[in-house]
Structures are given as structure tokens and as C-alpha cells.
Amino acid sequence: CPAELYDYQYLAAAAHINPNNIDGL
């Protein structure tokens, strides 16, 4: 539950989690 008005921007960071960027999480 994003609490603040602009918290959706933090959730957008997860869109960059992919095999092209990282090898493990």
C-alpha cells in the first residue's frame, strides 16, 4: 500500500529488476 502521493515512483523501480540488469536478487 503506497502511503504517499508519489510512492508509485518507488514501485516503478521494481520494473528495472530483470535478467538484463541483475543476476540474482
PDBML (XML) file of the C-alpha atoms, coordinates in Angstrom:
<?xml version="1.0" encoding="UTF-8" ?>
<PDBx:datablock datablockName="MODEL"
   xmlns:PDBx="http://pdbml.pdb.org/schema/pdbx-v50.xsd"
   xmlns:xsi="http://www.w3.org/2001/XMLSchema-instance"
   xsi:schemaLocation="http://pdbml.pdb.org/schema/pdbx-v50.xsd pdbx-v50.xsd">
   <PDBx:atom_siteCategory>
      <PDBx:atom_site id="1">
         <PDBx:B_iso_or_equiv>0.00</PDBx:B_iso_or_equiv>
         <PDBx:Cartn_x>0.000</PDBx:Cartn_x>
         <PDBx:Cartn_y>0.000</PDBx:Cartn_y>
         <PDBx:Cartn_z>0.000</PDBx:Cartn_z>
         <PDBx:auth_asym_id>A</PDBx:auth_asym_id>
         <PDBx:auth_atom_id>CA</PDBx:auth_atom_id>
         <PDBx:auth_comp_id>CYS</PDBx:auth_comp_id>
         <PDBx:auth_seq_id>1</PDBx:auth_seq_id>
         <PDBx:group_PDB>ATOM</PDBx:group_PDB>
         <PDBx:label_alt_id xsi:nil="true" />
         <PDBx:label_asym_id>A</PDBx:label_asym_id>
         <PDBx:label_atom_id>CA</PDBx:label_atom_id>
         <PDBx:label_comp_id>CYS</PDBx:label_comp_id>
         <PDBx:label_entity_id>1</PDBx:label_entity_id>
         <PDBx:label_seq_id>1</PDBx:label_seq_id>
         <PDBx:occupancy>1.00</PDBx:occupancy>
         <PDBx:pdbx_PDB_model_num>1</PDBx:pdbx_PDB_model_num>
         <PDBx:type_symbol>C</PDBx:type_symbol>
      </PDBx:atom_site>
      <PDBx:atom_site id="2">
         <PDBx:B_iso_or_equiv>0.00</PDBx:B_iso_or_equiv>
         <PDBx:Cartn_x>1.868</PDBx:Cartn_x>
         <PDBx:Cartn_y>3.048</PDBx:Cartn_y>
         <PDBx:Cartn_z>-1.204</PDBx:Cartn_z>
         <PDBx:auth_asym_id>A</PDBx:auth_asym_id>
         <PDBx:auth_atom_id>CA</PDBx:auth_atom_id>
         <PDBx:auth_comp_id>PRO</PDBx:auth_comp_id>
         <PDBx:auth_seq_id>2</PDBx:auth_seq_id>
         <PDBx:group_PDB>ATOM</PDBx:group_PDB>
         <PDBx:label_alt_id xsi:nil="true" />
         <PDBx:label_asym_id>A</PDBx:label_asym_id>
         <PDBx:label_atom_id>CA</PDBx:label_atom_id>
         <PDBx:label_comp_id>PRO</PDBx:label_comp_id>
         <PDBx:label_entity_id>1</PDBx:label_entity_id>
         <PDBx:label_seq_id>2</PDBx:label_seq_id>
         <PDBx:occupancy>1.00</PDBx:occupancy>
         <PDBx:pdbx_PDB_model_num>1</PDBx:pdbx_PDB_model_num>
         <PDBx:type_symbol>C</PDBx:type_symbol>
      </PDBx:atom_site>
      <PDBx:atom_site id="3">
         <PDBx:B_iso_or_equiv>0.00</PDBx:B_iso_or_equiv>
         <PDBx:Cartn_x>1.167</PDBx:Cartn_x>
         <PDBx:Cartn_y>5.627</PDBx:Cartn_y>
         <PDBx:Cartn_z>1.504</PDBx:Cartn_z>
         <PDBx:auth_asym_id>A</PDBx:auth_asym_id>
         <PDBx:auth_atom_id>CA</PDBx:auth_atom_id>
         <PDBx:auth_comp_id>ALA</PDBx:auth_comp_id>
         <PDBx:auth_seq_id>3</PDBx:auth_seq_id>
         <PDBx:group_PDB>ATOM</PDBx:group_PDB>
         <PDBx:label_alt_id xsi:nil="true" />
         <PDBx:label_asym_id>A</PDBx:label_asym_id>
         <PDBx:label_atom_id>CA</PDBx:label_atom_id>
         <PDBx:label_comp_id>ALA</PDBx:label_comp_id>
         <PDBx:label_entity_id>1</PDBx:label_entity_id>
         <PDBx:label_seq_id>3</PDBx:label_seq_id>
         <PDBx:occupancy>1.00</PDBx:occupancy>
         <PDBx:pdbx_PDB_model_num>1</PDBx:pdbx_PDB_model_num>
         <PDBx:type_symbol>C</PDBx:type_symbol>
      </PDBx:atom_site>
      <PDBx:atom_site id="4">
         <PDBx:B_iso_or_equiv>0.00</PDBx:B_iso_or_equiv>
         <PDBx:Cartn_x>2.303</PDBx:Cartn_x>
         <PDBx:Cartn_y>8.851</PDBx:Cartn_y>
         <PDBx:Cartn_z>-0.046</PDBx:Cartn_z>
         <PDBx:auth_asym_id>A</PDBx:auth_asym_id>
         <PDBx:auth_atom_id>CA</PDBx:auth_atom_id>
         <PDBx:auth_comp_id>GLU</PDBx:auth_comp_id>
         <PDBx:auth_seq_id>4</PDBx:auth_seq_id>
         <PDBx:group_PDB>ATOM</PDBx:group_PDB>
         <PDBx:label_alt_id xsi:nil="true" />
         <PDBx:label_asym_id>A</PDBx:label_asym_id>
         <PDBx:label_atom_id>CA</PDBx:label_atom_id>
         <PDBx:label_comp_id>GLU</PDBx:label_comp_id>
         <PDBx:label_entity_id>1</PDBx:label_entity_id>
         <PDBx:label_seq_id>4</PDBx:label_seq_id>
         <PDBx:occupancy>1.00</PDBx:occupancy>
         <PDBx:pdbx_PDB_model_num>1</PDBx:pdbx_PDB_model_num>
         <PDBx:type_symbol>C</PDBx:type_symbol>
      </PDBx:atom_site>
      <PDBx:atom_site id="5">
         <PDBx:B_iso_or_equiv>0.00</PDBx:B_iso_or_equiv>
         <PDBx:Cartn_x>1.201</PDBx:Cartn_x>
         <PDBx:Cartn_y>10.583</PDBx:Cartn_y>
         <PDBx:Cartn_z>-3.207</PDBx:Cartn_z>
         <PDBx:auth_asym_id>A</PDBx:auth_asym_id>
         <PDBx:auth_atom_id>CA</PDBx:auth_atom_id>
         <PDBx:auth_comp_id>LEU</PDBx:auth_comp_id>
         <PDBx:auth_seq_id>5</PDBx:auth_seq_id>
         <PDBx:group_PDB>ATOM</PDBx:group_PDB>
         <PDBx:label_alt_id xsi:nil="true" />
         <PDBx:label_asym_id>A</PDBx:label_asym_id>
         <PDBx:label_atom_id>CA</PDBx:label_atom_id>
         <PDBx:label_comp_id>LEU</PDBx:label_comp_id>
         <PDBx:label_entity_id>1</PDBx:label_entity_id>
         <PDBx:label_seq_id>5</PDBx:label_seq_id>
         <PDBx:occupancy>1.00</PDBx:occupancy>
         <PDBx:pdbx_PDB_model_num>1</PDBx:pdbx_PDB_model_num>
         <PDBx:type_symbol>C</PDBx:type_symbol>
      </PDBx:atom_site>
      <PDBx:atom_site id="6">
         <PDBx:B_iso_or_equiv>0.00</PDBx:B_iso_or_equiv>
         <PDBx:Cartn_x>4.447</PDBx:Cartn_x>
         <PDBx:Cartn_y>9.871</PDBx:Cartn_y>
         <PDBx:Cartn_z>-5.052</PDBx:Cartn_z>
         <PDBx:auth_asym_id>A</PDBx:auth_asym_id>
         <PDBx:auth_atom_id>CA</PDBx:auth_atom_id>
         <PDBx:auth_comp_id>TYR</PDBx:auth_comp_id>
         <PDBx:auth_seq_id>6</PDBx:auth_seq_id>
         <PDBx:group_PDB>ATOM</PDBx:group_PDB>
         <PDBx:label_alt_id xsi:nil="true" />
         <PDBx:label_asym_id>A</PDBx:label_asym_id>
         <PDBx:label_atom_id>CA</PDBx:label_atom_id>
         <PDBx:label_comp_id>TYR</PDBx:label_comp_id>
         <PDBx:label_entity_id>1</PDBx:label_entity_id>
         <PDBx:label_seq_id>6</PDBx:label_seq_id>
         <PDBx:occupancy>1.00</PDBx:occupancy>
         <PDBx:pdbx_PDB_model_num>1</PDBx:pdbx_PDB_model_num>
         <PDBx:type_symbol>C</PDBx:type_symbol>
      </PDBx:atom_site>
      <PDBx:atom_site id="7">
         <PDBx:B_iso_or_equiv>0.00</PDBx:B_iso_or_equiv>
         <PDBx:Cartn_x>5.199</PDBx:Cartn_x>
         <PDBx:Cartn_y>6.381</PDBx:Cartn_y>
         <PDBx:Cartn_z>-3.685</PDBx:Cartn_z>
         <PDBx:auth_asym_id>A</PDBx:auth_asym_id>
         <PDBx:auth_atom_id>CA</PDBx:auth_atom_id>
         <PDBx:auth_comp_id>ASP</PDBx:auth_comp_id>
         <PDBx:auth_seq_id>7</PDBx:auth_seq_id>
         <PDBx:group_PDB>ATOM</PDBx:group_PDB>
         <PDBx:label_alt_id xsi:nil="true" />
         <PDBx:label_asym_id>A</PDBx:label_asym_id>
         <PDBx:label_atom_id>CA</PDBx:label_atom_id>
         <PDBx:label_comp_id>ASP</PDBx:label_comp_id>
         <PDBx:label_entity_id>1</PDBx:label_entity_id>
         <PDBx:label_seq_id>7</PDBx:label_seq_id>
         <PDBx:occupancy>1.00</PDBx:occupancy>
         <PDBx:pdbx_PDB_model_num>1</PDBx:pdbx_PDB_model_num>
         <PDBx:type_symbol>C</PDBx:type_symbol>
      </PDBx:atom_site>
      <PDBx:atom_site id="8">
         <PDBx:B_iso_or_equiv>0.00</PDBx:B_iso_or_equiv>
         <PDBx:Cartn_x>4.255</PDBx:Cartn_x>
         <PDBx:Cartn_y>4.904</PDBx:Cartn_y>
         <PDBx:Cartn_z>-7.064</PDBx:Cartn_z>
         <PDBx:auth_asym_id>A</PDBx:auth_asym_id>
         <PDBx:auth_atom_id>CA</PDBx:auth_atom_id>
         <PDBx:auth_comp_id>TYR</PDBx:auth_comp_id>
         <PDBx:auth_seq_id>8</PDBx:auth_seq_id>
         <PDBx:group_PDB>ATOM</PDBx:group_PDB>
         <PDBx:label_alt_id xsi:nil="true" />
         <PDBx:label_asym_id>A</PDBx:label_asym_id>
         <PDBx:label_atom_id>CA</PDBx:label_atom_id>
         <PDBx:label_comp_id>TYR</PDBx:label_comp_id>
         <PDBx:label_entity_id>1</PDBx:label_entity_id>
         <PDBx:label_seq_id>8</PDBx:label_seq_id>
         <PDBx:occupancy>1.00</PDBx:occupancy>
         <PDBx:pdbx_PDB_model_num>1</PDBx:pdbx_PDB_model_num>
         <PDBx:type_symbol>C</PDBx:type_symbol>
      </PDBx:atom_site>
      <PDBx:atom_site id="9">
         <PDBx:B_iso_or_equiv>0.00</PDBx:B_iso_or_equiv>
         <PDBx:Cartn_x>7.626</PDBx:Cartn_x>
         <PDBx:Cartn_y>6.204</PDBx:Cartn_y>
         <PDBx:Cartn_z>-8.282</PDBx:Cartn_z>
         <PDBx:auth_asym_id>A</PDBx:auth_asym_id>
         <PDBx:auth_atom_id>CA</PDBx:auth_atom_id>
         <PDBx:auth_comp_id>GLN</PDBx:auth_comp_id>
         <PDBx:auth_seq_id>9</PDBx:auth_seq_id>
         <PDBx:group_PDB>ATOM</PDBx:group_PDB>
         <PDBx:label_alt_id xsi:nil="true" />
         <PDBx:label_asym_id>A</PDBx:label_asym_id>
         <PDBx:label_atom_id>CA</PDBx:label_atom_id>
         <PDBx:label_comp_id>GLN</PDBx:label_comp_id>
         <PDBx:label_entity_id>1</PDBx:label_entity_id>
         <PDBx:label_seq_id>9</PDBx:label_seq_id>
         <PDBx:occupancy>1.00</PDBx:occupancy>
         <PDBx:pdbx_PDB_model_num>1</PDBx:pdbx_PDB_model_num>
         <PDBx:type_symbol>C</PDBx:type_symbol>
      </PDBx:atom_site>
      <PDBx:atom_site id="10">
         <PDBx:B_iso_or_equiv>0.00</PDBx:B_iso_or_equiv>
         <PDBx:Cartn_x>9.362</PDBx:Cartn_x>
         <PDBx:Cartn_y>3.893</PDBx:Cartn_y>
         <PDBx:Cartn_z>-5.826</PDBx:Cartn_z>
         <PDBx:auth_asym_id>A</PDBx:auth_asym_id>
         <PDBx:auth_atom_id>CA</PDBx:auth_atom_id>
         <PDBx:auth_comp_id>TYR</PDBx:auth_comp_id>
         <PDBx:auth_seq_id>10</PDBx:auth_seq_id>
         <PDBx:group_PDB>ATOM</PDBx:group_PDB>
         <PDBx:label_alt_id xsi:nil="true" />
         <PDBx:label_asym_id>A</PDBx:label_asym_id>
         <PDBx:label_atom_id>CA</PDBx:label_atom_id>
         <PDBx:label_comp_id>TYR</PDBx:label_comp_id>
         <PDBx:label_entity_id>1</PDBx:label_entity_id>
         <PDBx:label_seq_id>10</PDBx:label_seq_id>
         <PDBx:occupancy>1.00</PDBx:occupancy>
         <PDBx:pdbx_PDB_model_num>1</PDBx:pdbx_PDB_model_num>
         <PDBx:type_symbol>C</PDBx:type_symbol>
      </PDBx:atom_site>
      <PDBx:atom_site id="11">
         <PDBx:B_iso_or_equiv>0.00</PDBx:B_iso_or_equiv>
         <PDBx:Cartn_x>7.313</PDBx:Cartn_x>
         <PDBx:Cartn_y>0.937</PDBx:Cartn_y>
         <PDBx:Cartn_z>-7.041</PDBx:Cartn_z>
         <PDBx:auth_asym_id>A</PDBx:auth_asym_id>
         <PDBx:auth_atom_id>CA</PDBx:auth_atom_id>
         <PDBx:auth_comp_id>LEU</PDBx:auth_comp_id>
         <PDBx:auth_seq_id>11</PDBx:auth_seq_id>
         <PDBx:group_PDB>ATOM</PDBx:group_PDB>
         <PDBx:label_alt_id xsi:nil="true" />
         <PDBx:label_asym_id>A</PDBx:label_asym_id>
         <PDBx:label_atom_id>CA</PDBx:label_atom_id>
         <PDBx:label_comp_id>LEU</PDBx:label_comp_id>
         <PDBx:label_entity_id>1</PDBx:label_entity_id>
         <PDBx:label_seq_id>11</PDBx:label_seq_id>
         <PDBx:occupancy>1.00</PDBx:occupancy>
         <PDBx:pdbx_PDB_model_num>1</PDBx:pdbx_PDB_model_num>
         <PDBx:type_symbol>C</PDBx:type_symbol>
      </PDBx:atom_site>
      <PDBx:atom_site id="12">
         <PDBx:B_iso_or_equiv>0.00</PDBx:B_iso_or_equiv>
         <PDBx:Cartn_x>8.416</PDBx:Cartn_x>
         <PDBx:Cartn_y>1.791</PDBx:Cartn_y>
         <PDBx:Cartn_z>-10.570</PDBx:Cartn_z>
         <PDBx:auth_asym_id>A</PDBx:auth_asym_id>
         <PDBx:auth_atom_id>CA</PDBx:auth_atom_id>
         <PDBx:auth_comp_id>ALA</PDBx:auth_comp_id>
         <PDBx:auth_seq_id>12</PDBx:auth_seq_id>
         <PDBx:group_PDB>ATOM</PDBx:group_PDB>
         <PDBx:label_alt_id xsi:nil="true" />
         <PDBx:label_asym_id>A</PDBx:label_asym_id>
         <PDBx:label_atom_id>CA</PDBx:label_atom_id>
         <PDBx:label_comp_id>ALA</PDBx:label_comp_id>
         <PDBx:label_entity_id>1</PDBx:label_entity_id>
         <PDBx:label_seq_id>12</PDBx:label_seq_id>
         <PDBx:occupancy>1.00</PDBx:occupancy>
         <PDBx:pdbx_PDB_model_num>1</PDBx:pdbx_PDB_model_num>
         <PDBx:type_symbol>C</PDBx:type_symbol>
      </PDBx:atom_site>
      <PDBx:atom_site id="13">
         <PDBx:B_iso_or_equiv>0.00</PDBx:B_iso_or_equiv>
         <PDBx:Cartn_x>11.996</PDBx:Cartn_x>
         <PDBx:Cartn_y>0.956</PDBx:Cartn_y>
         <PDBx:Cartn_z>-9.517</PDBx:Cartn_z>
         <PDBx:auth_asym_id>A</PDBx:auth_asym_id>
         <PDBx:auth_atom_id>CA</PDBx:auth_atom_id>
         <PDBx:auth_comp_id>ALA</PDBx:auth_comp_id>
         <PDBx:auth_seq_id>13</PDBx:auth_seq_id>
         <PDBx:group_PDB>ATOM</PDBx:group_PDB>
         <PDBx:label_alt_id xsi:nil="true" />
         <PDBx:label_asym_id>A</PDBx:label_asym_id>
         <PDBx:label_atom_id>CA</PDBx:label_atom_id>
         <PDBx:label_comp_id>ALA</PDBx:label_comp_id>
         <PDBx:label_entity_id>1</PDBx:label_entity_id>
         <PDBx:label_seq_id>13</PDBx:label_seq_id>
         <PDBx:occupancy>1.00</PDBx:occupancy>
         <PDBx:pdbx_PDB_model_num>1</PDBx:pdbx_PDB_model_num>
         <PDBx:type_symbol>C</PDBx:type_symbol>
      </PDBx:atom_site>
      <PDBx:atom_site id="14">
         <PDBx:B_iso_or_equiv>0.00</PDBx:B_iso_or_equiv>
         <PDBx:Cartn_x>10.941</PDBx:Cartn_x>
         <PDBx:Cartn_y>-2.703</PDBx:Cartn_y>
         <PDBx:Cartn_z>-9.452</PDBx:Cartn_z>
         <PDBx:auth_asym_id>A</PDBx:auth_asym_id>
         <PDBx:auth_atom_id>CA</PDBx:auth_atom_id>
         <PDBx:auth_comp_id>ALA</PDBx:auth_comp_id>
         <PDBx:auth_seq_id>14</PDBx:auth_seq_id>
         <PDBx:group_PDB>ATOM</PDBx:group_PDB>
         <PDBx:label_alt_id xsi:nil="true" />
         <PDBx:label_asym_id>A</PDBx:label_asym_id>
         <PDBx:label_atom_id>CA</PDBx:label_atom_id>
         <PDBx:label_comp_id>ALA</PDBx:label_comp_id>
         <PDBx:label_entity_id>1</PDBx:label_entity_id>
         <PDBx:label_seq_id>14</PDBx:label_seq_id>
         <PDBx:occupancy>1.00</PDBx:occupancy>
         <PDBx:pdbx_PDB_model_num>1</PDBx:pdbx_PDB_model_num>
         <PDBx:type_symbol>C</PDBx:type_symbol>
      </PDBx:atom_site>
      <PDBx:atom_site id="15">
         <PDBx:B_iso_or_equiv>0.00</PDBx:B_iso_or_equiv>
         <PDBx:Cartn_x>10.311</PDBx:Cartn_x>
         <PDBx:Cartn_y>-2.535</PDBx:Cartn_y>
         <PDBx:Cartn_z>-13.206</PDBx:Cartn_z>
         <PDBx:auth_asym_id>A</PDBx:auth_asym_id>
         <PDBx:auth_atom_id>CA</PDBx:auth_atom_id>
         <PDBx:auth_comp_id>ALA</PDBx:auth_comp_id>
         <PDBx:auth_seq_id>15</PDBx:auth_seq_id>
         <PDBx:group_PDB>ATOM</PDBx:group_PDB>
         <PDBx:label_alt_id xsi:nil="true" />
         <PDBx:label_asym_id>A</PDBx:label_asym_id>
         <PDBx:label_atom_id>CA</PDBx:label_atom_id>
         <PDBx:label_comp_id>ALA</PDBx:label_comp_id>
         <PDBx:label_entity_id>1</PDBx:label_entity_id>
         <PDBx:label_seq_id>15</PDBx:label_seq_id>
         <PDBx:occupancy>1.00</PDBx:occupancy>
         <PDBx:pdbx_PDB_model_num>1</PDBx:pdbx_PDB_model_num>
         <PDBx:type_symbol>C</PDBx:type_symbol>
      </PDBx:atom_site>
      <PDBx:atom_site id="16">
         <PDBx:B_iso_or_equiv>0.00</PDBx:B_iso_or_equiv>
         <PDBx:Cartn_x>14.090</PDBx:Cartn_x>
         <PDBx:Cartn_y>-2.379</PDBx:Cartn_y>
         <PDBx:Cartn_z>-13.635</PDBx:Cartn_z>
         <PDBx:auth_asym_id>A</PDBx:auth_asym_id>
         <PDBx:auth_atom_id>CA</PDBx:auth_atom_id>
         <PDBx:auth_comp_id>HIS</PDBx:auth_comp_id>
         <PDBx:auth_seq_id>16</PDBx:auth_seq_id>
         <PDBx:group_PDB>ATOM</PDBx:group_PDB>
         <PDBx:label_alt_id xsi:nil="true" />
         <PDBx:label_asym_id>A</PDBx:label_asym_id>
         <PDBx:label_atom_id>CA</PDBx:label_atom_id>
         <PDBx:label_comp_id>HIS</PDBx:label_comp_id>
         <PDBx:label_entity_id>1</PDBx:label_entity_id>
         <PDBx:label_seq_id>16</PDBx:label_seq_id>
         <PDBx:occupancy>1.00</PDBx:occupancy>
         <PDBx:pdbx_PDB_model_num>1</PDBx:pdbx_PDB_model_num>
         <PDBx:type_symbol>C</PDBx:type_symbol>
      </PDBx:atom_site>
      <PDBx:atom_site id="17">
         <PDBx:B_iso_or_equiv>0.00</PDBx:B_iso_or_equiv>
         <PDBx:Cartn_x>14.562</PDBx:Cartn_x>
         <PDBx:Cartn_y>-5.753</PDBx:Cartn_y>
         <PDBx:Cartn_z>-11.969</PDBx:Cartn_z>
         <PDBx:auth_asym_id>A</PDBx:auth_asym_id>
         <PDBx:auth_atom_id>CA</PDBx:auth_atom_id>
         <PDBx:auth_comp_id>ILE</PDBx:auth_comp_id>
         <PDBx:auth_seq_id>17</PDBx:auth_seq_id>
         <PDBx:group_PDB>ATOM</PDBx:group_PDB>
         <PDBx:label_alt_id xsi:nil="true" />
         <PDBx:label_asym_id>A</PDBx:label_asym_id>
         <PDBx:label_atom_id>CA</PDBx:label_atom_id>
         <PDBx:label_comp_id>ILE</PDBx:label_comp_id>
         <PDBx:label_entity_id>1</PDBx:label_entity_id>
         <PDBx:label_seq_id>17</PDBx:label_seq_id>
         <PDBx:occupancy>1.00</PDBx:occupancy>
         <PDBx:pdbx_PDB_model_num>1</PDBx:pdbx_PDB_model_num>
         <PDBx:type_symbol>C</PDBx:type_symbol>
      </PDBx:atom_site>
      <PDBx:atom_site id="18">
         <PDBx:B_iso_or_equiv>0.00</PDBx:B_iso_or_equiv>
         <PDBx:Cartn_x>15.147</PDBx:Cartn_x>
         <PDBx:Cartn_y>-8.034</PDBx:Cartn_y>
         <PDBx:Cartn_z>-14.926</PDBx:Cartn_z>
         <PDBx:auth_asym_id>A</PDBx:auth_asym_id>
         <PDBx:auth_atom_id>CA</PDBx:auth_atom_id>
         <PDBx:auth_comp_id>ASN</PDBx:auth_comp_id>
         <PDBx:auth_seq_id>18</PDBx:auth_seq_id>
         <PDBx:group_PDB>ATOM</PDBx:group_PDB>
         <PDBx:label_alt_id xsi:nil="true" />
         <PDBx:label_asym_id>A</PDBx:label_asym_id>
         <PDBx:label_atom_id>CA</PDBx:label_atom_id>
         <PDBx:label_comp_id>ASN</PDBx:label_comp_id>
         <PDBx:label_entity_id>1</PDBx:label_entity_id>
         <PDBx:label_seq_id>18</PDBx:label_seq_id>
         <PDBx:occupancy>1.00</PDBx:occupancy>
         <PDBx:pdbx_PDB_model_num>1</PDBx:pdbx_PDB_model_num>
         <PDBx:type_symbol>C</PDBx:type_symbol>
      </PDBx:atom_site>
      <PDBx:atom_site id="19">
         <PDBx:B_iso_or_equiv>0.00</PDBx:B_iso_or_equiv>
         <PDBx:Cartn_x>17.763</PDBx:Cartn_x>
         <PDBx:Cartn_y>-10.508</PDBx:Cartn_y>
         <PDBx:Cartn_z>-16.200</PDBx:Cartn_z>
         <PDBx:auth_asym_id>A</PDBx:auth_asym_id>
         <PDBx:auth_atom_id>CA</PDBx:auth_atom_id>
         <PDBx:auth_comp_id>PRO</PDBx:auth_comp_id>
         <PDBx:auth_seq_id>19</PDBx:auth_seq_id>
         <PDBx:group_PDB>ATOM</PDBx:group_PDB>
         <PDBx:label_alt_id xsi:nil="true" />
         <PDBx:label_asym_id>A</PDBx:label_asym_id>
         <PDBx:label_atom_id>CA</PDBx:label_atom_id>
         <PDBx:label_comp_id>PRO</PDBx:label_comp_id>
         <PDBx:label_entity_id>1</PDBx:label_entity_id>
         <PDBx:label_seq_id>19</PDBx:label_seq_id>
         <PDBx:occupancy>1.00</PDBx:occupancy>
         <PDBx:pdbx_PDB_model_num>1</PDBx:pdbx_PDB_model_num>
         <PDBx:type_symbol>C</PDBx:type_symbol>
      </PDBx:atom_site>
      <PDBx:atom_site id="20">
         <PDBx:B_iso_or_equiv>0.00</PDBx:B_iso_or_equiv>
         <PDBx:Cartn_x>19.376</PDBx:Cartn_x>
         <PDBx:Cartn_y>-7.782</PDBx:Cartn_y>
         <PDBx:Cartn_z>-18.310</PDBx:Cartn_z>
         <PDBx:auth_asym_id>A</PDBx:auth_asym_id>
         <PDBx:auth_atom_id>CA</PDBx:auth_atom_id>
         <PDBx:auth_comp_id>ASN</PDBx:auth_comp_id>
         <PDBx:auth_seq_id>20</PDBx:auth_seq_id>
         <PDBx:group_PDB>ATOM</PDBx:group_PDB>
         <PDBx:label_alt_id xsi:nil="true" />
         <PDBx:label_asym_id>A</PDBx:label_asym_id>
         <PDBx:label_atom_id>CA</PDBx:label_atom_id>
         <PDBx:label_comp_id>ASN</PDBx:label_comp_id>
         <PDBx:label_entity_id>1</PDBx:label_entity_id>
         <PDBx:label_seq_id>20</PDBx:label_seq_id>
         <PDBx:occupancy>1.00</PDBx:occupancy>
         <PDBx:pdbx_PDB_model_num>1</PDBx:pdbx_PDB_model_num>
         <PDBx:type_symbol>C</PDBx:type_symbol>
      </PDBx:atom_site>
      <PDBx:atom_site id="21">
         <PDBx:B_iso_or_equiv>0.00</PDBx:B_iso_or_equiv>
         <PDBx:Cartn_x>20.273</PDBx:Cartn_x>
         <PDBx:Cartn_y>-5.798</PDBx:Cartn_y>
         <PDBx:Cartn_z>-15.187</PDBx:Cartn_z>
         <PDBx:auth_asym_id>A</PDBx:auth_asym_id>
         <PDBx:auth_atom_id>CA</PDBx:auth_atom_id>
         <PDBx:auth_comp_id>ASN</PDBx:auth_comp_id>
         <PDBx:auth_seq_id>21</PDBx:auth_seq_id>
         <PDBx:group_PDB>ATOM</PDBx:group_PDB>
         <PDBx:label_alt_id xsi:nil="true" />
         <PDBx:label_asym_id>A</PDBx:label_asym_id>
         <PDBx:label_atom_id>CA</PDBx:label_atom_id>
         <PDBx:label_comp_id>ASN</PDBx:label_comp_id>
         <PDBx:label_entity_id>1</PDBx:label_entity_id>
         <PDBx:label_seq_id>21</PDBx:label_seq_id>
         <PDBx:occupancy>1.00</PDBx:occupancy>
         <PDBx:pdbx_PDB_model_num>1</PDBx:pdbx_PDB_model_num>
         <PDBx:type_symbol>C</PDBx:type_symbol>
      </PDBx:atom_site>
      <PDBx:atom_site id="22">
         <PDBx:B_iso_or_equiv>0.00</PDBx:B_iso_or_equiv>
         <PDBx:Cartn_x>20.914</PDBx:Cartn_x>
         <PDBx:Cartn_y>-8.336</PDBx:Cartn_y>
         <PDBx:Cartn_z>-12.411</PDBx:Cartn_z>
         <PDBx:auth_asym_id>A</PDBx:auth_asym_id>
         <PDBx:auth_atom_id>CA</PDBx:auth_atom_id>
         <PDBx:auth_comp_id>ILE</PDBx:auth_comp_id>
         <PDBx:auth_seq_id>22</PDBx:auth_seq_id>
         <PDBx:group_PDB>ATOM</PDBx:group_PDB>
         <PDBx:label_alt_id xsi:nil="true" />
         <PDBx:label_asym_id>A</PDBx:label_asym_id>
         <PDBx:label_atom_id>CA</PDBx:label_atom_id>
         <PDBx:label_comp_id>ILE</PDBx:label_comp_id>
         <PDBx:label_entity_id>1</PDBx:label_entity_id>
         <PDBx:label_seq_id>22</PDBx:label_seq_id>
         <PDBx:occupancy>1.00</PDBx:occupancy>
         <PDBx:pdbx_PDB_model_num>1</PDBx:pdbx_PDB_model_num>
         <PDBx:type_symbol>C</PDBx:type_symbol>
      </PDBx:atom_site>
      <PDBx:atom_site id="23">
         <PDBx:B_iso_or_equiv>0.00</PDBx:B_iso_or_equiv>
         <PDBx:Cartn_x>21.997</PDBx:Cartn_x>
         <PDBx:Cartn_y>-11.939</PDBx:Cartn_y>
         <PDBx:Cartn_z>-11.995</PDBx:Cartn_z>
         <PDBx:auth_asym_id>A</PDBx:auth_asym_id>
         <PDBx:auth_atom_id>CA</PDBx:auth_atom_id>
         <PDBx:auth_comp_id>ASP</PDBx:auth_comp_id>
         <PDBx:auth_seq_id>23</PDBx:auth_seq_id>
         <PDBx:group_PDB>ATOM</PDBx:group_PDB>
         <PDBx:label_alt_id xsi:nil="true" />
         <PDBx:label_asym_id>A</PDBx:label_asym_id>
         <PDBx:label_atom_id>CA</PDBx:label_atom_id>
         <PDBx:label_comp_id>ASP</PDBx:label_comp_id>
         <PDBx:label_entity_id>1</PDBx:label_entity_id>
         <PDBx:label_seq_id>23</PDBx:label_seq_id>
         <PDBx:occupancy>1.00</PDBx:occupancy>
         <PDBx:pdbx_PDB_model_num>1</PDBx:pdbx_PDB_model_num>
         <PDBx:type_symbol>C</PDBx:type_symbol>
      </PDBx:atom_site>
      <PDBx:atom_site id="24">
         <PDBx:B_iso_or_equiv>0.00</PDBx:B_iso_or_equiv>
         <PDBx:Cartn_x>20.335</PDBx:Cartn_x>
         <PDBx:Cartn_y>-12.547</PDBx:Cartn_y>
         <PDBx:Cartn_z>-8.631</PDBx:Cartn_z>
         <PDBx:auth_asym_id>A</PDBx:auth_asym_id>
         <PDBx:auth_atom_id>CA</PDBx:auth_atom_id>
         <PDBx:auth_comp_id>GLY</PDBx:auth_comp_id>
         <PDBx:auth_seq_id>24</PDBx:auth_seq_id>
         <PDBx:group_PDB>ATOM</PDBx:group_PDB>
         <PDBx:label_alt_id xsi:nil="true" />
         <PDBx:label_asym_id>A</PDBx:label_asym_id>
         <PDBx:label_atom_id>CA</PDBx:label_atom_id>
         <PDBx:label_comp_id>GLY</PDBx:label_comp_id>
         <PDBx:label_entity_id>1</PDBx:label_entity_id>
         <PDBx:label_seq_id>24</PDBx:label_seq_id>
         <PDBx:occupancy>1.00</PDBx:occupancy>
         <PDBx:pdbx_PDB_model_num>1</PDBx:pdbx_PDB_model_num>
         <PDBx:type_symbol>C</PDBx:type_symbol>
      </PDBx:atom_site>
      <PDBx:atom_site id="25">
         <PDBx:B_iso_or_equiv>0.00</PDBx:B_iso_or_equiv>
         <PDBx:Cartn_x>18.021</PDBx:Cartn_x>
         <PDBx:Cartn_y>-10.744</PDBx:Cartn_y>
         <PDBx:Cartn_z>-6.210</PDBx:Cartn_z>
         <PDBx:auth_asym_id>A</PDBx:auth_asym_id>
         <PDBx:auth_atom_id>CA</PDBx:auth_atom_id>
         <PDBx:auth_comp_id>LEU</PDBx:auth_comp_id>
         <PDBx:auth_seq_id>25</PDBx:auth_seq_id>
         <PDBx:group_PDB>ATOM</PDBx:group_PDB>
         <PDBx:label_alt_id xsi:nil="true" />
         <PDBx:label_asym_id>A</PDBx:label_asym_id>
         <PDBx:label_atom_id>CA</PDBx:label_atom_id>
         <PDBx:label_comp_id>LEU</PDBx:label_comp_id>
         <PDBx:label_entity_id>1</PDBx:label_entity_id>
         <PDBx:label_seq_id>25</PDBx:label_seq_id>
         <PDBx:occupancy>1.00</PDBx:occupancy>
         <PDBx:pdbx_PDB_model_num>1</PDBx:pdbx_PDB_model_num>
         <PDBx:type_symbol>C</PDBx:type_symbol>
      </PDBx:atom_site>
   </PDBx:atom_siteCategory>
</PDBx:datablock>
